[in-house]
Amino acid sequence: MPAKEVAAPAVDNILIKTYERILPEVLWRCQWNKYRLQFGVPFSPRSLSNRAALGTGPPCRLLGRRVYYLKGEFLQWLRELPAYRASVE
């Protein structure tokens, strides 16, 4: 029997609601690995940097040479990520 393709949301709403509660208001890229370990935030700092260069990442800001993201804008970007196709057997 062939696998059915199922459209999946990019990020589950339950996960977004959890991030709304636990993440700090300002997310520093230099601290991203800490957020990944502590909160399970997706993407690596390098991926965020590459996406910023391509214009496909979350809105980011600079303070001196340090890059940061506002929690609300980051979560909105996560909500708007395009869905992917997952195979279910």
N, C-alpha and C. Protein backbone atom coordinates (compact mmCIF):
# COMPACT_ATOMS: atom_id res chain seq x y z
N MET A 1 0.84 -1.18 0.00
CA MET A 1 0.00 0.00 0.00
C MET A 1 0.89 1.24 0.00
N PRO A 2 0.69 2.17 -0.94
CA PRO A 2 1.53 3.38 -0.99
C PRO A 2 1.26 4.29 0.20
N ALA A 3 2.29 5.04 0.57
CA ALA A 3 2.16 5.98 1.70
C ALA A 3 1.30 7.16 1.29
N LYS A 4 0.47 7.63 2.22
CA LYS A 4 -0.35 8.81 1.98
C LYS A 4 0.45 10.05 2.36
N GLU A 5 0.31 11.10 1.58
CA GLU A 5 0.95 12.36 1.94
C GLU A 5 -0.01 13.18 2.77
N VAL A 6 0.49 13.68 3.87
CA VAL A 6 -0.33 14.45 4.79
C VAL A 6 0.31 15.82 4.97
N ALA A 7 -0.48 16.88 4.79
CA ALA A 7 0.04 18.22 5.03
C ALA A 7 0.18 18.42 6.53
N ALA A 8 1.33 18.92 6.94
CA ALA A 8 1.56 19.15 8.37
C ALA A 8 1.87 20.62 8.59
N PRO A 9 1.37 21.18 9.67
CA PRO A 9 1.73 22.56 9.96
C PRO A 9 3.22 22.63 10.24
N ALA A 10 3.84 23.76 9.92
CA ALA A 10 5.27 23.90 10.12
C ALA A 10 5.61 23.76 11.61
N VAL A 11 4.86 24.43 12.45
CA VAL A 11 5.10 24.35 13.90
C VAL A 11 3.75 24.20 14.58
N ASP A 12 3.65 23.23 15.46
CA ASP A 12 2.41 22.95 16.18
C ASP A 12 2.02 24.12 17.07
N ASN A 13 0.72 24.44 17.11
CA ASN A 13 0.23 25.55 17.94
C ASN A 13 0.53 25.35 19.43
N ILE A 14 0.51 24.11 19.88
CA ILE A 14 0.81 23.84 21.29
C ILE A 14 2.25 24.24 21.59
N LEU A 15 3.14 23.95 20.66
CA LEU A 15 4.54 24.33 20.82
C LEU A 15 4.69 25.85 20.86
N ILE A 16 3.98 26.55 19.98
CA ILE A 16 4.03 28.01 19.96
C ILE A 16 3.54 28.57 21.30
N LYS A 17 2.43 28.05 21.80
CA LYS A 17 1.90 28.53 23.08
C LYS A 17 2.89 28.28 24.23
N THR A 18 3.57 27.17 24.18
CA THR A 18 4.59 26.88 25.19
C THR A 18 5.73 27.89 25.09
N TYR A 19 6.19 28.15 23.86
CA TYR A 19 7.26 29.13 23.67
C TYR A 19 6.83 30.51 24.14
N GLU A 20 5.56 30.87 23.93
CA GLU A 20 5.07 32.17 24.40
C GLU A 20 5.24 32.31 25.91
N ARG A 21 5.06 31.22 26.64
CA ARG A 21 5.16 31.25 28.10
C ARG A 21 6.61 31.24 28.59
N ILE A 22 7.47 30.46 27.96
CA ILE A 22 8.78 30.20 28.56
C ILE A 22 9.95 31.00 27.99
N LEU A 23 9.83 31.49 26.76
CA LEU A 23 10.97 32.20 26.18
C LEU A 23 11.09 33.62 26.73
N PRO A 24 12.32 34.13 26.83
CA PRO A 24 12.49 35.53 27.22
C PRO A 24 11.99 36.45 26.11
N GLU A 25 11.71 37.69 26.45
CA GLU A 25 11.19 38.67 25.47
C GLU A 25 12.20 38.99 24.37
N VAL A 26 13.48 38.94 24.71
CA VAL A 26 14.55 39.21 23.74
C VAL A 26 15.39 37.95 23.62
N LEU A 27 15.59 37.49 22.39
CA LEU A 27 16.36 36.29 22.11
C LEU A 27 17.64 36.69 21.38
N TRP A 28 18.78 36.48 22.01
CA TRP A 28 20.06 36.83 21.41
C TRP A 28 20.59 35.67 20.60
N ARG A 29 21.06 35.95 19.38
CA ARG A 29 21.59 34.86 18.55
C ARG A 29 22.81 34.21 19.21
N CYS A 30 23.63 35.00 19.90
CA CYS A 30 24.82 34.44 20.55
C CYS A 30 24.46 33.49 21.69
N GLN A 31 23.21 33.51 22.15
CA GLN A 31 22.73 32.63 23.21
C GLN A 31 21.88 31.48 22.65
N TRP A 32 21.77 31.38 21.32
CA TRP A 32 20.81 30.47 20.70
C TRP A 32 21.02 29.01 21.10
N ASN A 33 22.27 28.56 21.20
CA ASN A 33 22.49 27.16 21.59
C ASN A 33 21.95 26.90 22.99
N LYS A 34 22.03 27.89 23.87
CA LYS A 34 21.45 27.76 25.21
C LYS A 34 19.93 27.60 25.11
N TYR A 35 19.29 28.41 24.25
CA TYR A 35 17.83 28.30 24.07
C TYR A 35 17.45 26.94 23.49
N ARG A 36 18.27 26.43 22.60
CA ARG A 36 18.00 25.12 22.00
C ARG A 36 18.04 24.03 23.06
N LEU A 37 19.04 24.08 23.93
CA LEU A 37 19.16 23.07 24.99
C LEU A 37 18.10 23.24 26.06
N GLN A 38 17.87 24.46 26.49
CA GLN A 38 16.96 24.72 27.60
C GLN A 38 15.50 24.63 27.21
N PHE A 39 15.15 25.15 26.01
CA PHE A 39 13.74 25.26 25.62
C PHE A 39 13.37 24.45 24.39
N GLY A 40 14.35 23.87 23.69
CA GLY A 40 14.06 23.10 22.49
C GLY A 40 13.72 23.96 21.28
N VAL A 41 14.24 25.18 21.26
CA VAL A 41 13.97 26.11 20.15
C VAL A 41 14.62 25.56 18.88
N PRO A 42 13.90 25.59 17.75
CA PRO A 42 14.45 25.03 16.51
C PRO A 42 15.52 25.93 15.89
N PHE A 43 16.25 25.38 14.98
CA PHE A 43 17.28 26.05 14.18
C PHE A 43 18.56 26.27 14.99
N SER A 44 19.65 26.32 14.26
CA SER A 44 20.95 26.63 14.86
C SER A 44 21.25 28.11 14.63
N PRO A 45 22.20 28.66 15.38
CA PRO A 45 22.57 30.05 15.14
C PRO A 45 23.05 30.27 13.70
N ARG A 46 23.75 29.29 13.17
CA ARG A 46 24.25 29.40 11.80
C ARG A 46 23.08 29.42 10.80
N SER A 47 22.07 28.58 11.02
CA SER A 47 20.89 28.57 10.14
C SER A 47 20.18 29.92 10.18
N LEU A 48 20.06 30.49 11.38
CA LEU A 48 19.42 31.80 11.51
C LEU A 48 20.23 32.87 10.78
N SER A 49 21.54 32.78 10.90
CA SER A 49 22.42 33.73 10.21
C SER A 49 22.26 33.60 8.69
N ASN A 50 22.25 32.37 8.20
CA ASN A 50 22.07 32.14 6.76
C ASN A 50 20.71 32.64 6.28
N ARG A 51 19.67 32.36 7.05
CA ARG A 51 18.33 32.82 6.68
C ARG A 51 18.25 34.34 6.69
N ALA A 52 18.94 34.98 7.64
CA ALA A 52 18.96 36.45 7.68
C ALA A 52 19.61 37.00 6.43
N ALA A 53 20.70 36.39 6.00
CA ALA A 53 21.40 36.84 4.79
C ALA A 53 20.54 36.66 3.54
N LEU A 54 19.73 35.61 3.53
CA LEU A 54 18.86 35.34 2.38
C LEU A 54 17.54 36.09 2.45
N GLY A 55 17.26 36.69 3.61
CA GLY A 55 15.99 37.40 3.78
C GLY A 55 14.82 36.47 4.06
N THR A 56 15.10 35.25 4.51
CA THR A 56 14.02 34.28 4.77
C THR A 56 13.87 33.96 6.25
N GLY A 57 14.63 34.62 7.09
CA GLY A 57 14.60 34.34 8.52
C GLY A 57 13.65 35.25 9.27
N PRO A 58 13.59 35.07 10.58
CA PRO A 58 12.76 35.97 11.38
C PRO A 58 13.36 37.37 11.41
N PRO A 59 12.53 38.39 11.62
CA PRO A 59 13.07 39.75 11.70
C PRO A 59 14.12 39.83 12.82
N CYS A 60 15.27 40.40 12.51
CA CYS A 60 16.32 40.52 13.52
C CYS A 60 16.77 41.97 13.62
N ARG A 61 17.41 42.26 14.72
CA ARG A 61 17.90 43.61 15.01
C ARG A 61 19.34 43.52 15.48
N LEU A 62 20.02 44.63 15.46
CA LEU A 62 21.39 44.70 15.93
C LEU A 62 21.50 45.65 17.11
N LEU A 63 22.30 45.27 18.07
CA LEU A 63 22.70 46.16 19.14
C LEU A 63 24.22 46.08 19.14
N GLY A 64 24.85 47.09 18.57
CA GLY A 64 26.28 46.99 18.31
C GLY A 64 26.49 45.94 17.24
N ARG A 65 27.25 44.91 17.59
CA ARG A 65 27.48 43.81 16.65
C ARG A 65 26.68 42.57 17.02
N ARG A 66 25.84 42.67 18.03
CA ARG A 66 25.07 41.52 18.50
C ARG A 66 23.67 41.51 17.87
N VAL A 67 23.29 40.35 17.37
CA VAL A 67 21.99 40.17 16.71
C VAL A 67 21.00 39.64 17.74
N TYR A 68 19.78 40.20 17.71
CA TYR A 68 18.73 39.70 18.59
C TYR A 68 17.40 39.68 17.87
N TYR A 69 16.47 38.90 18.45
CA TYR A 69 15.12 38.74 17.93
C TYR A 69 14.14 39.07 19.04
N LEU A 70 13.05 39.69 18.69
CA LEU A 70 11.97 39.88 19.66
C LEU A 70 11.11 38.63 19.65
N LYS A 71 10.75 38.15 20.83
CA LYS A 71 10.02 36.89 20.95
C LYS A 71 8.76 36.87 20.08
N GLY A 72 7.96 37.92 20.13
CA GLY A 72 6.72 37.95 19.37
C GLY A 72 6.95 37.83 17.87
N GLU A 73 7.96 38.53 17.37
CA GLU A 73 8.27 38.46 15.93
C GLU A 73 8.82 37.09 15.55
N PHE A 74 9.64 36.51 16.41
CA PHE A 74 10.18 35.18 16.14
C PHE A 74 9.05 34.15 16.09
N LEU A 75 8.14 34.22 17.05
CA LEU A 75 7.03 33.26 17.08
C LEU A 75 6.10 33.44 15.89
N GLN A 76 5.87 34.68 15.48
CA GLN A 76 5.05 34.93 14.29
C GLN A 76 5.71 34.33 13.05
N TRP A 77 7.01 34.47 12.95
CA TRP A 77 7.75 33.89 11.83
C TRP A 77 7.61 32.36 11.85
N LEU A 78 7.72 31.75 13.04
CA LEU A 78 7.54 30.30 13.14
C LEU A 78 6.15 29.89 12.66
N ARG A 79 5.12 30.64 13.07
CA ARG A 79 3.74 30.34 12.64
C ARG A 79 3.60 30.40 11.12
N GLU A 80 4.32 31.31 10.49
CA GLU A 80 4.18 31.54 9.05
C GLU A 80 5.09 30.68 8.19
N LEU A 81 5.93 29.85 8.80
CA LEU A 81 6.78 28.98 7.99
C LEU A 81 5.91 28.11 7.11
N PRO A 82 6.33 27.88 5.88
CA PRO A 82 5.52 27.02 5.01
C PRO A 82 5.44 25.60 5.55
N ALA A 83 4.29 25.00 5.37
CA ALA A 83 4.09 23.62 5.80
C ALA A 83 4.91 22.70 4.89
N TYR A 84 5.23 21.54 5.40
CA TYR A 84 5.93 20.54 4.62
C TYR A 84 5.05 19.33 4.46
N ARG A 85 5.45 18.46 3.59
CA ARG A 85 4.70 17.22 3.37
C ARG A 85 5.39 16.10 4.12
N ALA A 86 4.64 15.37 4.91
CA ALA A 86 5.18 14.21 5.62
C ALA A 86 4.49 12.96 5.08
N SER A 87 5.25 11.90 4.92
CA SER A 87 4.67 10.63 4.48
C SER A 87 4.22 9.84 5.68
N VAL A 88 3.01 9.32 5.61
CA VAL A 88 2.47 8.48 6.68
C VAL A 88 2.12 7.15 6.07
N GLU A 89 2.58 6.09 6.71
CA GLU A 89 2.30 4.75 6.17
C GLU A 89 1.21 4.08 6.94
